[in-house]
Amino acid sequence: MAFSLLKERPFSREWFSTYALLAGGAFILALGYSCFMSPYRIVPGGIYGISIVLHHEWGFPLGLAALCFNLPLSLAGIKVLGPRFGLKTVICFLLVALFSDTIPWTLSLVAGMNPVDPLDLGDEVLLACIFGGAVMGVGVGMILKTRASSGGTDVLSAIMHRHTRRPVGQLQMIIDSCIVLFGLVMFRDWKVPMYSWLSIFVMGKTIDMILQGFSSEKTFFIISDRVEELRRFILDNMKRGGSIIPVEGMYRRDGKEMIMTVVSRREMTTLQHAIYKIDPRAFITIIDAKEILGEGFKRLADEE
């Protein structure tokens, strides 16, 4: 039942929106590989890290080389992981492979760009590393929003997790690091792993921003003896809601009430000042709210 709730009805508006986002993410990810990573010999882990090495050392087409790894991995993924592997992941890595091999050819034919140095950066590989990581992060973030993945080491780490029970994130980090070191051995250049790990870091941060958004809301947890006055101020003056949660002090085990509310960054100082005026002895915890969904903030439907 839970799994069926995540499925889109074929050819519905949601279905078209999901697959358009998937195709867009695959295109942007392929753009990062073919125009930012591969020409400048940056090995960003994953199947495409291996493919970039094979492309430079033996001339294999980038997307085709990745496809040769992803196809057997997909069969293993379907066998081991079952329906969780998903059709969308297969479609995604097929699109990424197709775009990775056609984008350089198209840009060369239409825009006259040099496939060897498409961005005309020369020795400024750091720029390709940083902006390439950001571009790939946007692509992967879009793909993950469709509840798919780009295949590759995602599938391999999930399969290894099934047999080893080690955390998936840890396994993927180990696999990607081994691929980066493989690039070091093949290219015999110490700058390769440095640029590669930096691009992986930038990509990870960009993925977080795509998935979690740029929310600047703050969550307040307020423990006070004057809860009613604070409640009235939040409701009447700030026009915000919240929750009142019964809590128990650790030292005396006396019962108190805690207010939990969410405000914007510009409202934060207003609420802090009001708390100080109403109850200077109040205990306050303020944390960043990565994403707020629900009435008064972002609609749940906007995440679909």
Foldseek 3Di string as FASTA:
>chain_A
DVVVVLDDDPPDPVNVVLVVLLLVLLLLLLCLLQQQDLLLLAQQFWLLSVLSLCCVPPNDQRLVSSCVVQVVLLVVLCVQVNCLQDPSLVVSSNSNSVNNRVVLVVCCVPVVADSNNRPPPVPVSLVSLQVSLLSNLLSQLSNVLSVHGNGTLLSVLVNVCVVPVDDSVVSRVVRRLVSQVVSCVSVVDPVRSVSNVSSNVSSVVNSLCSNLPDAQKKKKKKWFPPVVVLQCCCCPVVVWHWDKAWDADPPPRDITIITITMDGPVCVVVSVVVCCVVGVPMDMDMDGDSHDEDPPGHDPVVSD
